[in-house]
């Protein structure tokens, strides 16, 4: 029985490093998995930051475009109305002066 007992001790002695190696392998796999997850989270965080930045840029561009178009349209409207009023005034004065001249 001592022979079997000795064999059993040796078997456990030989299998113990194998168990440890499998444990370390499992730990290594988990570490790799967590590292990969961390990389993905970092990537998604970076993408989210970029999306926020692009959203802010889009808002600014929209605002700038709206302000630019508003100023431009206001300027065009003012110029158009000024020209029109000037033209009407000149025509009215011309007709009036012509009428007065003819009557006089």
PDB file of N, CA and C in Angstrom:
ATOM      1  N   UNK A   1       0.816  -1.182   0.000  1.00  0.00           N
ATOM      2  CA  UNK A   1       0.000   0.000   0.000  1.00  0.00           C
ATOM      3  C   UNK A   1       0.862   1.249   0.000  1.00  0.00           C
ATOM      4  N   UNK A   2       2.001   1.156   0.545  1.00  0.00           N
ATOM      5  CA  UNK A   2       2.887   2.305   0.554  1.00  0.00           C
ATOM      6  C   UNK A   2       3.355   2.656  -0.848  1.00  0.00           C
ATOM      7  N   UNK A   3       3.461   1.648  -1.685  1.00  0.00           N
ATOM      8  CA  UNK A   3       3.849   1.899  -3.065  1.00  0.00           C
ATOM      9  C   UNK A   3       2.785   2.742  -3.763  1.00  0.00           C
ATOM     10  N   UNK A   4       1.528   2.357  -3.556  1.00  0.00           N
ATOM     11  CA  UNK A   4       0.441   3.126  -4.145  1.00  0.00           C
ATOM     12  C   UNK A   4       0.372   4.528  -3.538  1.00  0.00           C
ATOM     13  N   UNK A   5       0.609   4.586  -2.301  1.00  0.00           N
ATOM     14  CA  UNK A   5       0.614   5.868  -1.627  1.00  0.00           C
ATOM     15  C   UNK A   5       1.714   6.772  -2.189  1.00  0.00           C
ATOM     16  N   UNK A   6       2.863   6.177  -2.390  1.00  0.00           N
ATOM     17  CA  UNK A   6       3.981   6.935  -2.972  1.00  0.00           C
ATOM     18  C   UNK A   6       3.667   7.367  -4.403  1.00  0.00           C
ATOM     19  N   UNK A   7       3.074   6.476  -5.155  1.00  0.00           N
ATOM     20  CA  UNK A   7       2.669   6.807  -6.530  1.00  0.00           C
ATOM     21  C   UNK A   7       1.642   7.942  -6.555  1.00  0.00           C
ATOM     22  N   UNK A   8       0.711   7.875  -5.640  1.00  0.00           N
ATOM     23  CA  UNK A   8      -0.300   8.909  -5.550  1.00  0.00           C
ATOM     24  C   UNK A   8       0.328  10.261  -5.220  1.00  0.00           C
ATOM     25  N   UNK A   9       1.246  10.284  -4.321  1.00  0.00           N
ATOM     26  CA  UNK A   9       1.946  11.523  -3.971  1.00  0.00           C
ATOM     27  C   UNK A   9       2.680  12.077  -5.171  1.00  0.00           C
ATOM     28  N   UNK A  10       3.366  11.170  -5.886  1.00  0.00           N
ATOM     29  CA  UNK A  10       4.103  11.636  -7.072  1.00  0.00           C
ATOM     30  C   UNK A  10       3.163  12.156  -8.153  1.00  0.00           C
ATOM     31  N   UNK A  11       2.041  11.470  -8.323  1.00  0.00           N
ATOM     32  CA  UNK A  11       1.072  11.914  -9.325  1.00  0.00           C
ATOM     33  C   UNK A  11       0.523  13.294  -8.979  1.00  0.00           C
ATOM     34  N   UNK A  12       0.192  13.489  -7.728  1.00  0.00           N
ATOM     35  CA  UNK A  12      -0.275  14.816  -7.317  1.00  0.00           C
ATOM     36  C   UNK A  12       0.822  15.847  -7.455  1.00  0.00           C
ATOM     37  N   UNK A  13       2.026  15.433  -7.191  1.00  0.00           N
ATOM     38  CA  UNK A  13       3.151  16.351  -7.350  1.00  0.00           C
ATOM     39  C   UNK A  13       3.328  16.750  -8.807  1.00  0.00           C
ATOM     40  N   UNK A  14       3.155  15.795  -9.712  1.00  0.00           N
ATOM     41  CA  UNK A  14       3.304  16.093 -11.138  1.00  0.00           C
ATOM     42  C   UNK A  14       2.099  16.846 -11.697  1.00  0.00           C
ATOM     43  N   UNK A  15       0.937  16.549 -11.182  1.00  0.00           N
ATOM     44  CA  UNK A  15      -0.246  17.239 -11.710  1.00  0.00           C
ATOM     45  C   UNK A  15      -0.422  18.639 -11.151  1.00  0.00           C
ATOM     46  N   UNK A  16       0.161  18.918 -10.018  1.00  0.00           N
ATOM     47  CA  UNK A  16       0.033  20.258  -9.419  1.00  0.00           C
ATOM     48  C   UNK A  16       0.580  21.362 -10.327  1.00  0.00           C
ATOM     49  N   UNK A  17       1.767  21.222 -10.909  1.00  0.00           N
ATOM     50  CA  UNK A  17       2.226  22.267 -11.842  1.00  0.00           C
ATOM     51  C   UNK A  17       1.319  22.406 -13.062  1.00  0.00           C
ATOM     52  N   UNK A  18       0.770  21.306 -13.514  1.00  0.00           N
ATOM     53  CA  UNK A  18      -0.142  21.360 -14.652  1.00  0.00           C
ATOM     54  C   UNK A  18      -1.401  22.164 -14.294  1.00  0.00           C
ATOM     55  N   UNK A  19      -1.924  21.917 -13.104  1.00  0.00           N
ATOM     56  CA  UNK A  19      -3.092  22.668 -12.639  1.00  0.00           C
ATOM     57  C   UNK A  19      -2.766  24.156 -12.542  1.00  0.00           C
ATOM     58  N   UNK A  20      -1.604  24.447 -12.025  1.00  0.00           N
ATOM     59  CA  UNK A  20      -1.188  25.846 -11.925  1.00  0.00           C
ATOM     60  C   UNK A  20      -1.034  26.479 -13.304  1.00  0.00           C
ATOM     61  N   UNK A  21      -0.454  25.711 -14.217  1.00  0.00           N
ATOM     62  CA  UNK A  21      -0.291  26.231 -15.582  1.00  0.00           C
ATOM     63  C   UNK A  21      -1.641  26.499 -16.233  1.00  0.00           C
ATOM     64  N   UNK A  22      -2.575  25.618 -16.046  1.00  0.00           N
ATOM     65  CA  UNK A  22      -3.901  25.836 -16.620  1.00  0.00           C
ATOM     66  C   UNK A  22      -4.574  27.046 -15.962  1.00  0.00           C
ATOM     67  N   UNK A  23      -4.343  27.212 -14.672  1.00  0.00           N
ATOM     68  CA  UNK A  23      -4.873  28.383 -13.989  1.00  0.00           C
ATOM     69  C   UNK A  23      -4.256  29.666 -14.547  1.00  0.00           C
ATOM     70  N   UNK A  24      -2.939  29.660 -14.714  1.00  0.00           N
ATOM     71  CA  UNK A  24      -2.267  30.831 -15.277  1.00  0.00           C
ATOM     72  C   UNK A  24      -2.709  31.094 -16.712  1.00  0.00           C
ATOM     73  N   UNK A  25      -2.929  30.029 -17.449  1.00  0.00           N
ATOM     74  CA  UNK A  25      -3.412  30.200 -18.822  1.00  0.00           C
ATOM     75  C   UNK A  25      -4.790  30.849 -18.825  1.00  0.00           C
ATOM     76  N   UNK A  26      -5.647  30.381 -17.933  1.00  0.00           N
ATOM     77  CA  UNK A  26      -6.978  30.969 -17.820  1.00  0.00           C
ATOM     78  C   UNK A  26      -6.890  32.437 -17.412  1.00  0.00           C
ATOM     79  N   UNK A  27      -6.022  32.737 -16.480  1.00  0.00           N
ATOM     80  CA  UNK A  27      -5.829  34.136 -16.063  1.00  0.00           C
ATOM     81  C   UNK A  27      -5.296  34.988 -17.212  1.00  0.00           C
ATOM     82  N   UNK A  28      -4.393  34.421 -17.975  1.00  0.00           N
ATOM     83  CA  UNK A  28      -3.833  35.134 -19.119  1.00  0.00           C
ATOM     84  C   UNK A  28      -4.916  35.420 -20.167  1.00  0.00           C
ATOM     85  N   UNK A  29      -5.779  34.436 -20.405  1.00  0.00           N
ATOM     86  CA  UNK A  29      -6.879  34.627 -21.354  1.00  0.00           C
ATOM     87  C   UNK A  29      -7.808  35.742 -20.881  1.00  0.00           C
ATOM     88  N   UNK A  30      -8.124  35.714 -19.596  1.00  0.00           N
ATOM     89  CA  UNK A  30      -8.993  36.769 -19.059  1.00  0.00           C
ATOM     90  C   UNK A  30      -8.345  38.135 -19.155  1.00  0.00           C
ATOM     91  N   UNK A  31      -7.064  38.182 -18.871  1.00  0.00           N
ATOM     92  CA  UNK A  31      -6.345  39.447 -18.974  1.00  0.00           C
ATOM     93  C   UNK A  31      -6.380  39.976 -20.406  1.00  0.00           C
ATOM     94  N   UNK A  32      -6.176  39.077 -21.355  1.00  0.00           N
ATOM     95  CA  UNK A  32      -6.269  39.478 -22.761  1.00  0.00           C
ATOM     96  C   UNK A  32      -7.659  39.983 -23.109  1.00  0.00           C
ATOM     97  N   UNK A  33      -8.657  39.279 -22.594  1.00  0.00           N
ATOM     98  CA  UNK A  33     -10.034  39.695 -22.852  1.00  0.00           C
ATOM     99  C   UNK A  33     -10.304  41.086 -22.265  1.00  0.00           C
ATOM    100  N   UNK A  34      -9.873  41.295 -21.024  1.00  0.00           N
ATOM    101  CA  UNK A  34     -10.083  42.603 -20.398  1.00  0.00           C
ATOM    102  C   UNK A  34      -9.298  43.701 -21.110  1.00  0.00           C
ATOM    103  N   UNK A  35      -8.116  43.349 -21.572  1.00  0.00           N
ATOM    104  CA  UNK A  35      -7.327  44.325 -22.329  1.00  0.00           C
ATOM    105  C   UNK A  35      -8.046  44.706 -23.614  1.00  0.00           C
ATOM    106  N   UNK A  36      -8.597  43.706 -24.287  1.00  0.00           N
ATOM    107  CA  UNK A  36      -9.353  43.972 -25.518  1.00  0.00           C
ATOM    108  C   UNK A  36     -10.587  44.812 -25.235  1.00  0.00           C
ATOM    109  N   UNK A  37     -11.268  44.506 -24.167  1.00  0.00           N
ATOM    110  CA  UNK A  37     -12.441  45.305 -23.787  1.00  0.00           C
ATOM    111  C   UNK A  37     -12.054  46.743 -23.461  1.00  0.00           C
ATOM    112  N   UNK A  38     -10.950  46.905 -22.769  1.00  0.00           N
ATOM    113  CA  UNK A  38     -10.473  48.253 -22.443  1.00  0.00           C
ATOM    114  C   UNK A  38     -10.142  49.037 -23.718  1.00  0.00           C
ATOM    115  N   UNK A  39      -9.495  48.363 -24.672  1.00  0.00           N
ATOM    116  CA  UNK A  39      -9.179  49.027 -25.939  1.00  0.00           C
ATOM    117  C   UNK A  39     -10.443  49.458 -26.664  1.00  0.00           C
ATOM    118  N   UNK A  40     -11.429  48.569 -26.675  1.00  0.00           N
ATOM    119  CA  UNK A  40     -12.692  48.926 -27.338  1.00  0.00           C
ATOM    120  C   UNK A  40     -13.386  50.080 -26.633  1.00  0.00           C
ATOM    121  N   UNK A  41     -13.394  50.046 -25.313  1.00  0.00           N
ATOM    122  CA  UNK A  41     -14.012  51.143 -24.569  1.00  0.00           C
ATOM    123  C   UNK A  41     -13.292  52.462 -24.835  1.00  0.00           C
ATOM    124  N   UNK A  42     -11.978  52.403 -24.896  1.00  0.00           N
ATOM    125  CA  UNK A  42     -11.209  53.606 -25.211  1.00  0.00           C
ATOM    126  C   UNK A  42     -11.557  54.107 -26.608  1.00  0.00           C
ATOM    127  N   UNK A  43     -11.661  53.192 -27.542  1.00  0.00           N
ATOM    128  CA  UNK A  43     -12.020  53.565 -28.918  1.00  0.00           C
ATOM    129  C   UNK A  43     -13.411  54.184 -28.966  1.00  0.00           C
ATOM    130  N   UNK A  44     -14.373  53.550 -28.292  1.00  0.00           N
ATOM    131  CA  UNK A  44     -15.730  54.093 -28.293  1.00  0.00           C
ATOM    132  C   UNK A  44     -15.798  55.443 -27.593  1.00  0.00           C
ATOM    133  N   UNK A  45     -15.016  55.605 -26.544  1.00  0.00           N
ATOM    134  CA  UNK A  45     -14.970  56.902 -25.874  1.00  0.00           C
ATOM    135  C   UNK A  45     -14.426  57.974 -26.819  1.00  0.00           C
ATOM    136  N   UNK A  46     -13.380  57.620 -27.542  1.00  0.00           N
ATOM    137  CA  UNK A  46     -12.810  58.558 -28.515  1.00  0.00           C
ATOM    138  C   UNK A  46     -13.818  58.893 -29.614  1.00  0.00           C
ATOM    139  N   UNK A  47     -14.516  57.881 -30.091  1.00  0.00           N
ATOM    140  CA  UNK A  47     -15.543  58.119 -31.112  1.00  0.00           C
ATOM    141  C   UNK A  47     -16.662  59.004 -30.573  1.00  0.00           C
ATOM    142  N   UNK A  48     -17.051  58.779 -29.333  1.00  0.00           N
ATOM    143  CA  UNK A  48     -18.091  59.604 -28.721  1.00  0.00           C
ATOM    144  C   UNK A  48     -17.636  61.061 -28.607  1.00  0.00           C
ATOM    145  N   UNK A  49     -16.383  61.245 -28.199  1.00  0.00           N
ATOM    146  CA  UNK A  49     -15.848  62.609 -28.110  1.00  0.00           C
ATOM    147  C   UNK A  49     -15.856  63.282 -29.477  1.00  0.00           C
ATOM    148  N   UNK A  50     -15.459  62.525 -30.493  1.00  0.00           N
ATOM    149  CA  UNK A  50     -15.470  63.091 -31.853  1.00  0.00           C
ATOM    150  C   UNK A  50     -16.880  63.434 -32.303  1.00  0.00           C
ATOM    151  N   UNK A  51     -17.835  62.569 -31.970  1.00  0.00           N
ATOM    152  CA  UNK A  51     -19.213  62.856 -32.342  1.00  0.00           C
ATOM    153  C   UNK A  51     -19.702  64.139 -31.677  1.00  0.00           C
ATOM    154  N   UNK A  52     -19.346  64.321 -30.418  1.00  0.00           N
ATOM    155  CA  UNK A  52     -19.728  65.554 -29.726  1.00  0.00           C
ATOM    156  C   UNK A  52     -19.071  66.758 -30.397  1.00  0.00           C
ATOM    157  N   UNK A  53     -17.801  66.609 -30.740  1.00  0.00           N
ATOM    158  CA  UNK A  53     -17.087  67.696 -31.398  1.00  0.00           C
ATOM    159  C   UNK A  53     -17.723  68.035 -32.743  1.00  0.00           C
ATOM    160  N   UNK A  54     -18.014  66.996 -33.549  1.00  0.00           N
ATOM    161  CA  UNK A  54     -18.633  67.238 -34.851  1.00  0.00           C
ATOM    162  C   UNK A  54     -20.023  67.828 -34.705  1.00  0.00           C
ATOM    163  N   UNK A  55     -20.733  67.415 -33.669  1.00  0.00           N
ATOM    164  CA  UNK A  55     -22.055  67.979 -33.411  1.00  0.00           C
ATOM    165  C   UNK A  55     -21.939  69.466 -33.091  1.00  0.00           C
ATOM    166  N   UNK A  56     -20.950  69.802 -32.264  1.00  0.00           N
ATOM    167  CA  UNK A  56     -20.728  71.217 -31.922  1.00  0.00           C
ATOM    168  C   UNK A  56     -20.339  72.017 -33.167  1.00  0.00           C
ATOM    169  N   UNK A  57     -19.459  71.443 -33.979  1.00  0.00           N
ATOM    170  CA  UNK A  57     -19.063  72.127 -35.219  1.00  0.00           C
ATOM    171  C   UNK A  57     -20.249  72.321 -36.153  1.00  0.00           C
ATOM    172  N   UNK A  58     -21.105  71.309 -36.241  1.00  0.00           N
ATOM    173  CA  UNK A  58     -22.295  71.425 -37.079  1.00  0.00           C
ATOM    174  C   UNK A  58     -23.208  72.538 -36.583  1.00  0.00           C
ATOM    175  N   UNK A  59     -23.387  72.602 -35.256  1.00  0.00           N
ATOM    176  CA  UNK A  59     -24.212  73.679 -34.696  1.00  0.00           C
ATOM    177  C   UNK A  59     -23.622  75.044 -35.028  1.00  0.00           C
ATOM    178  N   UNK A  60     -22.310  75.161 -34.859  1.00  0.00           N
ATOM    179  CA  UNK A  60     -21.657  76.443 -35.153  1.00  0.00           C
ATOM    180  C   UNK A  60     -21.784  76.797 -36.625  1.00  0.00           C
ATOM    181  N   UNK A  61     -21.570  75.809 -37.486  1.00  0.00           N
ATOM    182  CA  UNK A  61     -21.679  76.068 -38.921  1.00  0.00           C
ATOM    183  C   UNK A  61     -23.103  76.467 -39.293  1.00  0.00           C
ATOM    184  N   UNK A  62     -24.072  75.792 -38.699  1.00  0.00           N
ATOM    185  CA  UNK A  62     -25.469  76.127 -38.980  1.00  0.00           C
ATOM    186  C   UNK A  62     -25.764  77.538 -38.518  1.00  0.00           C
ATOM    187  N   UNK A  63     -25.321  77.861 -37.318  1.00  0.00           N
ATOM    188  CA  UNK A  63     -25.544  79.201 -36.794  1.00  0.00           C
ATOM    189  C   UNK A  63     -24.854  80.249 -37.665  1.00  0.00           C
ATOM    190  N   UNK A  64     -23.604  79.986 -38.035  1.00  0.00           N
ATOM    191  CA  UNK A  64     -22.870  80.924 -38.874  1.00  0.00           C
ATOM    192  C   UNK A  64     -23.557  81.108 -40.216  1.00  0.00           C
ATOM    193  N   UNK A  65     -24.010  80.001 -40.801  1.00  0.00           N
ATOM    194  CA  UNK A  65     -24.692  80.077 -42.099  1.00  0.00           C
ATOM    195  C   UNK A  65     -25.981  80.867 -41.972  1.00  0.00           C
ATOM    196  N   UNK A  66     -26.742  80.596 -40.913  1.00  0.00           N
ATOM    197  CA  UNK A  66     -27.992  81.327 -40.730  1.00  0.00           C
ATOM    198  C   UNK A  66     -27.745  82.819 -40.539  1.00  0.00           C
ATOM    199  N   UNK A  67     -26.749  83.155 -39.717  1.00  0.00           N
ATOM    200  CA  UNK A  67     -26.434  84.571 -39.512  1.00  0.00           C
ATOM    201  C   UNK A  67     -25.965  85.221 -40.810  1.00  0.00           C
ATOM    202  N   UNK A  68     -25.112  84.508 -41.537  1.00  0.00           N
ATOM    203  CA  UNK A  68     -24.602  85.046 -42.802  1.00  0.00           C
ATOM    204  C   UNK A  68     -25.747  85.272 -43.783  1.00  0.00           C
ATOM    205  N   UNK A  69     -26.615  84.281 -43.908  1.00  0.00           N
ATOM    206  CA  UNK A  69     -27.729  84.415 -44.846  1.00  0.00           C
ATOM    207  C   UNK A  69     -28.684  85.515 -44.399  1.00  0.00           C
ATOM    208  N   UNK A  70     -28.902  85.629 -43.085  1.00  0.00           N
ATOM    209  CA  UNK A  70     -29.785  86.675 -42.588  1.00  0.00           C
ATOM    210  C   UNK A  70     -29.206  88.053 -42.904  1.00  0.00           C
ATOM    211  N   UNK A  71     -27.904  88.223 -42.625  1.00  0.00           N
ATOM    212  CA  UNK A  71     -27.267  89.505 -42.921  1.00  0.00           C
ATOM    213  C   UNK A  71     -27.309  89.808 -44.413  1.00  0.00           C
ATOM    214  N   UNK A  72     -27.043  88.780 -45.201  1.00  0.00           N
ATOM    215  CA  UNK A  72     -27.021  88.972 -46.649  1.00  0.00           C
ATOM    216  C   UNK A  72     -28.408  89.340 -47.173  1.00  0.00           C
ATOM    217  N   UNK A  73     -29.413  88.597 -46.699  1.00  0.00           N
ATOM    218  CA  UNK A  73     -30.773  88.895 -47.137  1.00  0.00           C
ATOM    219  C   UNK A  73     -31.209  90.271 -46.663  1.00  0.00           C
ATOM    220  N   UNK A  74     -30.828  90.628 -45.443  1.00  0.00           N
ATOM    221  CA  UNK A  74     -31.175  91.953 -44.933  1.00  0.00           C
ATOM    222  C   UNK A  74     -30.517  93.034 -45.792  1.00  0.00           C
ATOM    223  N   UNK A  75     -29.250  92.812 -46.096  1.00  0.00           N
ATOM    224  CA  UNK A  75     -28.541  93.779 -46.934  1.00  0.00           C
ATOM    225  C   UNK A  75     -29.180  93.891 -48.312  1.00  0.00           C
ATOM    226  N   UNK A  76     -29.476  92.747 -48.928  1.00  0.00           N
ATOM    227  CA  UNK A  76     -30.114  92.776 -50.243  1.00  0.00           C
ATOM    228  C   UNK A  76     -31.478  93.444 -50.193  1.00  0.00           C
ATOM    229  N   UNK A  77     -32.229  93.156 -49.143  1.00  0.00           N
ATOM    230  CA  UNK A  77     -33.551  93.778 -49.006  1.00  0.00           C
ATOM    231  C   UNK A  77     -33.419  95.283 -48.841  1.00  0.00           C
ATOM    232  N   UNK A  78     -32.474  95.694 -47.996  1.00  0.00           N
ATOM    233  CA  UNK A  78     -32.292  97.137 -47.796  1.00  0.00           C
ATOM    234  C   UNK A  78     -31.859  97.815 -49.091  1.00  0.00           C
ATOM    235  N   UNK A  79     -30.919  97.203 -49.794  1.00  0.00           N
ATOM    236  CA  UNK A  79     -30.480  97.792 -51.061  1.00  0.00           C
ATOM    237  C   UNK A  79     -31.607  97.844 -52.083  1.00  0.00           C
ATOM    238  N   UNK A  80     -32.366  96.746 -52.164  1.00  0.00           N
ATOM    239  CA  UNK A  80     -33.475  96.694 -53.111  1.00  0.00           C
ATOM    240  C   UNK A  80     -34.510  97.762 -52.785  1.00  0.00           C
ATOM    241  N   UNK A  81     -34.857  97.880 -51.501  1.00  0.00           N
ATOM    242  CA  UNK A  81     -35.855  98.872 -51.113  1.00  0.00           C
ATOM    243  C   UNK A  81     -35.329 100.288 -51.329  1.00  0.00           C
ATOM    244  N   UNK A  82     -34.044 100.485 -51.046  1.00  0.00           N
ATOM    245  CA  UNK A  82     -33.467 101.808 -51.270  1.00  0.00           C
ATOM    246  C   UNK A  82     -33.513 102.171 -52.745  1.00  0.00           C
ATOM    247  N   UNK A  83     -33.111 101.252 -53.597  1.00  0.00           N
ATOM    248  CA  UNK A  83     -33.136 101.525 -55.044  1.00  0.00           C
ATOM    249  C   UNK A  83     -34.558 101.770 -55.529  1.00  0.00           C
ATOM    250  N   UNK A  84     -35.473 100.962 -55.027  1.00  0.00           N
ATOM    251  CA  UNK A  84     -36.859 101.098 -55.457  1.00  0.00           C
ATOM    252  C   UNK A  84     -37.433 102.440 -55.012  1.00  0.00           C
ATOM    253  N   UNK A  85     -37.182 102.773 -53.755  1.00  0.00           N
ATOM    254  CA  UNK A  85     -37.689 104.046 -53.252  1.00  0.00           C
ATOM    255  C   UNK A  85     -37.051 105.213 -53.994  1.00  0.00           C
ATOM    256  N   UNK A  86     -35.775 105.094 -54.266  1.00  0.00           N
ATOM    257  CA  UNK A  86     -35.089 106.149 -55.007  1.00  0.00           C
ATOM    258  C   UNK A  86     -35.685 106.294 -56.400  1.00  0.00           C
ATOM    259  N   UNK A  87     -35.901 105.166 -57.040  1.00  0.00           N
ATOM    260  CA  UNK A  87     -36.487 105.188 -58.380  1.00  0.00           C
ATOM    261  C   UNK A  87     -37.881 105.797 -58.363  1.00  0.00           C
ATOM    262  N   UNK A  88     -38.705 105.347 -57.398  1.00  0.00           N
ATOM    263  CA  UNK A  88     -40.051 105.906 -57.300  1.00  0.00           C
ATOM    264  C   UNK A  88     -40.009 107.392 -57.019  1.00  0.00           C
ATOM    265  N   UNK A  89     -39.124 107.791 -56.137  1.00  0.00           N
ATOM    266  CA  UNK A  89     -39.021 109.209 -55.797  1.00  0.00           C
ATOM    267  C   UNK A  89     -38.596 110.013 -57.014  1.00  0.00           C
ATOM    268  N   UNK A  90     -37.607 109.499 -57.719  1.00  0.00           N
ATOM    269  CA  UNK A  90     -37.146 110.230 -58.910  1.00  0.00           C
ATOM    270  C   UNK A  90     -38.231 110.310 -59.977  1.00  0.00           C
ATOM    271  N   UNK A  91     -38.932 109.204 -60.181  1.00  0.00           N
ATOM    272  CA  UNK A  91     -40.015 109.231 -61.174  1.00  0.00           C
ATOM    273  C   UNK A  91     -41.132 110.173 -60.751  1.00  0.00           C
ATOM    274  N   UNK A  92     -41.481 110.119 -59.475  1.00  0.00           N
ATOM    275  CA  UNK A  92     -42.550 110.979 -58.985  1.00  0.00           C
ATOM    276  C   UNK A  92     -42.156 112.448 -59.120  1.00  0.00           C
ATOM    277  N   UNK A  93     -40.937 112.759 -58.726  1.00  0.00           N
ATOM    278  CA  UNK A  93     -40.485 114.147 -58.818  1.00  0.00           C
ATOM    279  C   UNK A  93     -40.384 114.597 -60.272  1.00  0.00           C
ATOM    280  N   UNK A  94     -39.930 113.700 -61.108  1.00  0.00           N
ATOM    281  CA  UNK A  94     -39.818 114.043 -62.524  1.00  0.00           C
ATOM    282  C   UNK A  94     -41.200 114.333 -63.113  1.00  0.00           C
ATOM    283  N   UNK A  95     -42.158 113.477 -62.826  1.00  0.00           N
ATOM    284  CA  UNK A  95     -43.517 113.687 -63.337  1.00  0.00           C
ATOM    285  C   UNK A  95     -44.114 114.966 -62.777  1.00  0.00           C
ATOM    286  N   UNK A  96     -43.885 115.180 -61.510  1.00  0.00           N
ATOM    287  CA  UNK A  96     -44.427 116.365 -60.864  1.00  0.00           C
ATOM    288  C   UNK A  96     -43.812 117.635 -61.457  1.00  0.00           C
ATOM    289  N   UNK A  97     -42.489 117.602 -61.608  1.00  0.00           N
ATOM    290  CA  UNK A  97     -41.822 118.782 -62.193  1.00  0.00           C
ATOM    291  C   UNK A  97     -42.242 118.995 -63.631  1.00  0.00           C
ATOM    292  N   UNK A  98     -42.393 117.903 -64.343  1.00  0.00           N
ATOM    293  CA  UNK A  98     -42.844 118.021 -65.734  1.00  0.00           C
ATOM    294  C   UNK A  98     -44.240 118.579 -65.792  1.00  0.00           C
ATOM    295  N   UNK A  99     -45.095 118.096 -64.944  1.00  0.00           N
ATOM    296  CA  UNK A  99     -46.477 118.596 -64.899  1.00  0.00           C
ATOM    297  C   UNK A  99     -46.503 120.067 -64.528  1.00  0.00           C
ATOM    298  N   UNK A 100     -45.732 120.458 -63.512  1.00  0.00           N
ATOM    299  CA  UNK A 100     -45.710 121.848 -63.112  1.00  0.00           C
ATOM    300  C   UNK A 100     -45.143 122.722 -64.211  1.00  0.00           C
ATOM    301  N   UNK A 101     -44.118 122.207 -64.863  1.00  0.00           N
ATOM    302  CA  UNK A 101     -43.505 122.983 -65.927  1.00  0.00           C
ATOM    303  C   UNK A 101     -44.475 123.175 -67.078  1.00  0.00           C
ATOM    304  N   UNK A 102     -45.185 122.110 -67.405  1.00  0.00           N
ATOM    305  CA  UNK A 102     -46.147 122.215 -68.489  1.00  0.00           C
ATOM    306  C   UNK A 102     -47.296 123.150 -68.128  1.00  0.00           C
ATOM    307  N   UNK A 103     -47.723 123.092 -66.894  1.00  0.00           N
ATOM    308  CA  UNK A 103     -48.803 123.964 -66.466  1.00  0.00           C
ATOM    309  C   UNK A 103     -48.349 125.435 -66.360  1.00  0.00           C
ATOM    310  N   UNK A 104     -47.161 125.631 -65.999  1.00  0.00           N
ATOM    311  CA  UNK A 104     -46.664 126.965 -65.812  1.00  0.00           C
ATOM    312  C   UNK A 104     -46.435 127.602 -67.161  1.00  0.00           C
TER     313      UNK A 104
END
